[in-house]
Amino acid sequence: MSLAPPAAPLVRLRVPTDEDALAWHRVFDDPEVMEFHGGRAAELSVYEELTARQRRHDAEHGLCLWTLLDDTGQVLGFTGAQPWPHPSFGPVGEIEIGWRLARPAWGHGYATAAARTTLERARARGVSEVVAMVNARNERSIAVARRLGMRQAETYTTPVSQQEAYCFRLEL
């Protein structure tokens, strides 16, 4: 008897609202979630600026870090695509996909399902290749990148944390 793989969870992505800044701040206020992003949640003002920037990215590019919602409308975090935001290192000038989820959402397939939707949207916008920058110790995100069919291409040392990060690539 063969068992079918579990169905991908239903996810919805929306352009971040003003209220999502508070939701992101709340769901990312967890040291485990932020382990590879500085260790703690940023101040609310950082998320307010980030959600505003994502609204601009969506208006200009049709892509952004979208708020990720489950089938009940609960905010789980974000996923999406945006121009690589760091001009001094990494895949400068390229479109990066990324994801960050609340701890209770881990291990349920949300990141992979939402990232697949992101890839479909990027392809529809004419993007020919995407990258994902992942901390070399972040086994969960490395697994998501591999499930998406991405290949590890380069290794960088991040300037602030001096940690190793892998750049994964995928032709669309």
C-alpha atoms as a PDB file:
ATOM      1  CA  MET A   1       0.000   0.000   0.000  1.00  0.00           C
ATOM      2  CA  SER A   2       1.439   3.365  -0.978  1.00  0.00           C
ATOM      3  CA  LEU A   3       0.556   6.503   0.848  1.00  0.00           C
ATOM      4  CA  ALA A   4       0.084   9.722  -1.086  1.00  0.00           C
ATOM      5  CA  PRO A   5       2.195  12.639   0.087  1.00  0.00           C
ATOM      6  CA  PRO A   6       0.328  15.060   2.326  1.00  0.00           C
ATOM      7  CA  ALA A   7      -1.515  17.795   0.481  1.00  0.00           C
ATOM      8  CA  ALA A   8       0.081  21.220   0.497  1.00  0.00           C
ATOM      9  CA  PRO A   9      -1.599  23.528   2.978  1.00  0.00           C
ATOM     10  CA  LEU A  10      -3.835  26.273   1.690  1.00  0.00           C
ATOM     11  CA  VAL A  11      -2.086  29.623   1.826  1.00  0.00           C
ATOM     12  CA  ARG A  12      -3.061  33.130   0.877  1.00  0.00           C
ATOM     13  CA  LEU A  13      -0.661  35.942   0.105  1.00  0.00           C
ATOM     14  CA  ARG A  14      -1.606  39.614   0.281  1.00  0.00           C
ATOM     15  CA  VAL A  15       0.240  42.875  -0.082  1.00  0.00           C
ATOM     16  CA  PRO A  16       1.166  43.891   3.477  1.00  0.00           C
ATOM     17  CA  THR A  17      -1.191  46.330   5.171  1.00  0.00           C
ATOM     18  CA  ASP A  18      -0.375  48.878   7.868  1.00  0.00           C
ATOM     19  CA  GLU A  19      -1.810  46.399  10.394  1.00  0.00           C
ATOM     20  CA  ASP A  20       0.560  43.702   9.164  1.00  0.00           C
ATOM     21  CA  ALA A  21       3.512  45.621  10.608  1.00  0.00           C
ATOM     22  CA  LEU A  22       2.152  44.862  14.088  1.00  0.00           C
ATOM     23  CA  ALA A  23       1.315  41.259  13.116  1.00  0.00           C
ATOM     24  CA  TRP A  24       4.842  40.679  11.749  1.00  0.00           C
ATOM     25  CA  HIS A  25       6.348  42.243  14.862  1.00  0.00           C
ATOM     26  CA  ARG A  26       4.245  39.928  17.039  1.00  0.00           C
ATOM     27  CA  VAL A  27       4.899  36.658  15.150  1.00  0.00           C
ATOM     28  CA  PHE A  28       8.630  37.372  14.798  1.00  0.00           C
ATOM     29  CA  ASP A  29       9.047  38.205  18.502  1.00  0.00           C
ATOM     30  CA  ASP A  30      10.545  34.778  19.091  1.00  0.00           C
ATOM     31  CA  PRO A  31      14.277  34.056  19.466  1.00  0.00           C
ATOM     32  CA  GLU A  32      13.929  30.791  17.501  1.00  0.00           C
ATOM     33  CA  VAL A  33      12.292  32.564  14.563  1.00  0.00           C
ATOM     34  CA  MET A  34      14.933  35.291  14.633  1.00  0.00           C
ATOM     35  CA  GLU A  35      17.941  33.004  15.199  1.00  0.00           C
ATOM     36  CA  PHE A  36      19.306  33.722  11.709  1.00  0.00           C
ATOM     37  CA  HIS A  37      18.048  37.324  11.585  1.00  0.00           C
ATOM     38  CA  GLY A  38      19.831  38.977  14.485  1.00  0.00           C
ATOM     39  CA  GLY A  39      18.384  36.920  17.333  1.00  0.00           C
ATOM     40  CA  ARG A  40      15.444  39.127  18.263  1.00  0.00           C
ATOM     41  CA  ALA A  41      12.532  40.945  16.664  1.00  0.00           C
ATOM     42  CA  ALA A  42      13.188  44.423  15.407  1.00  0.00           C
ATOM     43  CA  GLU A  43      11.358  47.433  16.784  1.00  0.00           C
ATOM     44  CA  LEU A  44       7.828  47.964  15.476  1.00  0.00           C
ATOM     45  CA  SER A  45       9.036  50.969  13.448  1.00  0.00           C
ATOM     46  CA  VAL A  46      11.292  48.648  11.400  1.00  0.00           C
ATOM     47  CA  TYR A  47       8.295  46.510  10.442  1.00  0.00           C
ATOM     48  CA  GLU A  48       6.266  49.637   9.665  1.00  0.00           C
ATOM     49  CA  GLU A  49       8.989  50.743   7.240  1.00  0.00           C
ATOM     50  CA  LEU A  50       9.353  47.229   5.829  1.00  0.00           C
ATOM     51  CA  THR A  51       5.640  46.820   5.090  1.00  0.00           C
ATOM     52  CA  ALA A  52       5.545  50.291   3.491  1.00  0.00           C
ATOM     53  CA  ARG A  53       8.570  49.379   1.319  1.00  0.00           C
ATOM     54  CA  GLN A  54       6.853  46.146   0.288  1.00  0.00           C
ATOM     55  CA  ARG A  55       3.758  48.061  -0.823  1.00  0.00           C
ATOM     56  CA  ARG A  56       6.046  50.217  -3.009  1.00  0.00           C
ATOM     57  CA  HIS A  57       7.762  47.096  -4.418  1.00  0.00           C
ATOM     58  CA  ASP A  58       4.372  45.627  -5.293  1.00  0.00           C
ATOM     59  CA  ALA A  59       3.267  48.850  -7.011  1.00  0.00           C
ATOM     60  CA  GLU A  60       6.547  49.138  -8.947  1.00  0.00           C
ATOM     61  CA  HIS A  61       7.427  45.493  -9.675  1.00  0.00           C
ATOM     62  CA  GLY A  62       4.296  43.437  -9.004  1.00  0.00           C
ATOM     63  CA  LEU A  63       6.401  41.521  -6.482  1.00  0.00           C
ATOM     64  CA  CYS A  64       7.067  42.012  -2.780  1.00  0.00           C
ATOM     65  CA  LEU A  65       7.264  40.196   0.526  1.00  0.00           C
ATOM     66  CA  TRP A  66       3.593  39.305   0.894  1.00  0.00           C
ATOM     67  CA  THR A  67       1.887  38.642   4.174  1.00  0.00           C
ATOM     68  CA  LEU A  68       1.325  34.902   4.448  1.00  0.00           C
ATOM     69  CA  LEU A  69      -2.063  33.840   5.813  1.00  0.00           C
ATOM     70  CA  ASP A  70      -3.428  30.404   6.563  1.00  0.00           C
ATOM     71  CA  ASP A  71      -6.901  29.307   5.455  1.00  0.00           C
ATOM     72  CA  THR A  72      -8.475  30.953   8.527  1.00  0.00           C
ATOM     73  CA  GLY A  73      -6.856  34.342   7.803  1.00  0.00           C
ATOM     74  CA  GLN A  74      -4.271  34.106  10.577  1.00  0.00           C
ATOM     75  CA  VAL A  75      -0.969  35.866   9.785  1.00  0.00           C
ATOM     76  CA  LEU A  76       1.820  33.288   9.709  1.00  0.00           C
ATOM     77  CA  GLY A  77       4.624  35.561   8.512  1.00  0.00           C
ATOM     78  CA  PHE A  78       5.736  36.541   5.038  1.00  0.00           C
ATOM     79  CA  THR A  79       7.044  35.150   1.798  1.00  0.00           C
ATOM     80  CA  GLY A  80       7.725  36.738  -1.516  1.00  0.00           C
ATOM     81  CA  ALA A  81      10.224  38.165  -3.943  1.00  0.00           C
ATOM     82  CA  GLN A  82      11.984  41.498  -4.032  1.00  0.00           C
ATOM     83  CA  PRO A  83      15.138  43.035  -5.480  1.00  0.00           C
ATOM     84  CA  TRP A  84      18.142  41.989  -3.358  1.00  0.00           C
ATOM     85  CA  PRO A  85      18.225  44.780  -0.732  1.00  0.00           C
ATOM     86  CA  HIS A  86      21.968  44.955   0.055  1.00  0.00           C
ATOM     87  CA  PRO A  87      24.094  46.916  -2.426  1.00  0.00           C
ATOM     88  CA  SER A  88      27.457  45.958  -0.872  1.00  0.00           C
ATOM     89  CA  PHE A  89      27.386  42.128  -1.002  1.00  0.00           C
ATOM     90  CA  GLY A  90      25.468  39.139  -2.234  1.00  0.00           C
ATOM     91  CA  PRO A  91      23.528  38.751  -5.475  1.00  0.00           C
ATOM     92  CA  VAL A  92      23.316  42.494  -6.222  1.00  0.00           C
ATOM     93  CA  GLY A  93      20.731  43.348  -8.870  1.00  0.00           C
ATOM     94  CA  GLU A  94      18.913  40.022  -8.660  1.00  0.00           C
ATOM     95  CA  ILE A  95      15.438  39.040  -7.466  1.00  0.00           C
ATOM     96  CA  GLU A  96      15.531  37.241  -4.125  1.00  0.00           C
ATOM     97  CA  ILE A  97      12.780  35.020  -2.795  1.00  0.00           C
ATOM     98  CA  GLY A  98      12.434  34.582   0.916  1.00  0.00           C
ATOM     99  CA  TRP A  99      10.213  33.448   3.727  1.00  0.00           C
ATOM    100  CA  ARG A 100       9.933  33.869   7.487  1.00  0.00           C
ATOM    101  CA  LEU A 101       7.222  32.160   9.493  1.00  0.00           C
ATOM    102  CA  ALA A 102       5.970  32.140  13.047  1.00  0.00           C
ATOM    103  CA  ARG A 103       7.301  29.204  15.049  1.00  0.00           C
ATOM    104  CA  PRO A 104       3.903  27.377  15.305  1.00  0.00           C
ATOM    105  CA  ALA A 105       3.712  27.343  11.473  1.00  0.00           C
ATOM    106  CA  TRP A 106       6.992  25.457  11.045  1.00  0.00           C
ATOM    107  CA  GLY A 107       6.926  21.894   9.732  1.00  0.00           C
ATOM    108  CA  HIS A 108       3.487  22.088   8.101  1.00  0.00           C
ATOM    109  CA  GLY A 109       4.526  22.888   4.518  1.00  0.00           C
ATOM    110  CA  TYR A 110       3.511  26.558   4.599  1.00  0.00           C
ATOM    111  CA  ALA A 111       6.928  27.936   3.563  1.00  0.00           C
ATOM    112  CA  THR A 112       7.218  25.603   0.575  1.00  0.00           C
ATOM    113  CA  ALA A 113       3.608  26.138  -0.541  1.00  0.00           C
ATOM    114  CA  ALA A 114       3.890  29.916  -0.242  1.00  0.00           C
ATOM    115  CA  ALA A 115       7.297  29.971  -1.972  1.00  0.00           C
ATOM    116  CA  ARG A 116       5.854  27.962  -4.872  1.00  0.00           C
ATOM    117  CA  THR A 117       3.129  30.596  -5.232  1.00  0.00           C
ATOM    118  CA  THR A 118       5.858  33.249  -5.163  1.00  0.00           C
ATOM    119  CA  LEU A 119       7.721  31.462  -7.963  1.00  0.00           C
ATOM    120  CA  GLU A 120       4.526  31.348 -10.061  1.00  0.00           C
ATOM    121  CA  ARG A 121       3.996  35.080  -9.543  1.00  0.00           C
ATOM    122  CA  ALA A 122       7.631  35.888 -10.375  1.00  0.00           C
ATOM    123  CA  ARG A 123       7.455  33.781 -13.545  1.00  0.00           C
ATOM    124  CA  ALA A 124       4.232  35.574 -14.551  1.00  0.00           C
ATOM    125  CA  ARG A 125       6.052  38.925 -14.119  1.00  0.00           C
ATOM    126  CA  GLY A 126       8.760  37.806 -16.541  1.00  0.00           C
ATOM    127  CA  VAL A 127      11.464  37.077 -13.970  1.00  0.00           C
ATOM    128  CA  SER A 128      13.865  34.545 -15.512  1.00  0.00           C
ATOM    129  CA  GLU A 129      15.872  33.576 -12.406  1.00  0.00           C
ATOM    130  CA  VAL A 130      15.551  33.984  -8.651  1.00  0.00           C
ATOM    131  CA  VAL A 131      17.985  33.597  -5.796  1.00  0.00           C
ATOM    132  CA  ALA A 132      17.498  32.732  -2.130  1.00  0.00           C
ATOM    133  CA  MET A 133      20.098  33.735   0.440  1.00  0.00           C
ATOM    134  CA  VAL A 134      20.115  31.326   3.379  1.00  0.00           C
ATOM    135  CA  ASN A 135      22.290  31.220   6.480  1.00  0.00           C
ATOM    136  CA  ALA A 136      24.499  28.135   6.135  1.00  0.00           C
ATOM    137  CA  ARG A 137      23.266  26.841   9.539  1.00  0.00           C
ATOM    138  CA  ASN A 138      19.559  27.254   8.694  1.00  0.00           C
ATOM    139  CA  GLU A 139      18.749  23.662   7.793  1.00  0.00           C
ATOM    140  CA  ARG A 140      14.997  24.291   7.540  1.00  0.00           C
ATOM    141  CA  SER A 141      15.351  27.040   4.938  1.00  0.00           C
ATOM    142  CA  ILE A 142      17.985  25.055   3.043  1.00  0.00           C
ATOM    143  CA  ALA A 143      15.460  22.209   2.857  1.00  0.00           C
ATOM    144  CA  VAL A 144      12.767  24.569   1.508  1.00  0.00           C
ATOM    145  CA  ALA A 145      15.158  25.884  -1.166  1.00  0.00           C
ATOM    146  CA  ARG A 146      15.975  22.328  -2.223  1.00  0.00           C
ATOM    147  CA  ARG A 147      12.289  21.314  -2.303  1.00  0.00           C
ATOM    148  CA  LEU A 148      11.759  24.224  -4.699  1.00  0.00           C
ATOM    149  CA  GLY A 149      14.418  22.764  -6.998  1.00  0.00           C
ATOM    150  CA  MET A 150      16.971  25.460  -6.247  1.00  0.00           C
ATOM    151  CA  ARG A 151      20.693  24.697  -6.547  1.00  0.00           C
ATOM    152  CA  GLN A 152      23.366  26.014  -4.214  1.00  0.00           C
ATOM    153  CA  ALA A 153      25.550  28.288  -6.334  1.00  0.00           C
ATOM    154  CA  GLU A 154      27.678  30.644  -4.230  1.00  0.00           C
ATOM    155  CA  THR A 155      28.776  31.172  -0.655  1.00  0.00           C
ATOM    156  CA  TYR A 156      29.064  34.609   0.964  1.00  0.00           C
ATOM    157  CA  THR A 157      30.177  35.904   4.334  1.00  0.00           C
ATOM    158  CA  THR A 158      27.600  38.360   5.606  1.00  0.00           C
ATOM    159  CA  PRO A 159      29.211  41.698   6.507  1.00  0.00           C
ATOM    160  CA  VAL A 160      27.386  42.367   9.789  1.00  0.00           C
ATOM    161  CA  SER A 161      27.277  38.923  11.422  1.00  0.00           C
ATOM    162  CA  GLN A 162      30.320  37.505   9.609  1.00  0.00           C
ATOM    163  CA  GLN A 163      28.365  34.277   9.113  1.00  0.00           C
ATOM    164  CA  GLU A 164      28.404  32.067   6.055  1.00  0.00           C
ATOM    165  CA  ALA A 165      25.375  32.251   3.766  1.00  0.00           C
ATOM    166  CA  TYR A 166      24.508  30.173   0.714  1.00  0.00           C
ATOM    167  CA  CYS A 167      23.059  31.670  -2.428  1.00  0.00           C
ATOM    168  CA  PHE A 168      20.633  29.258  -4.063  1.00  0.00           C
ATOM    169  CA  ARG A 169      19.518  29.829  -7.662  1.00  0.00           C
ATOM    170  CA  LEU A 170      16.586  28.724  -9.770  1.00  0.00           C
ATOM    171  CA  GLU A 171      15.875  29.408 -13.437  1.00  0.00           C
ATOM    172  CA  LEU A 172      12.180  29.980 -13.984  1.00  0.00           C
END
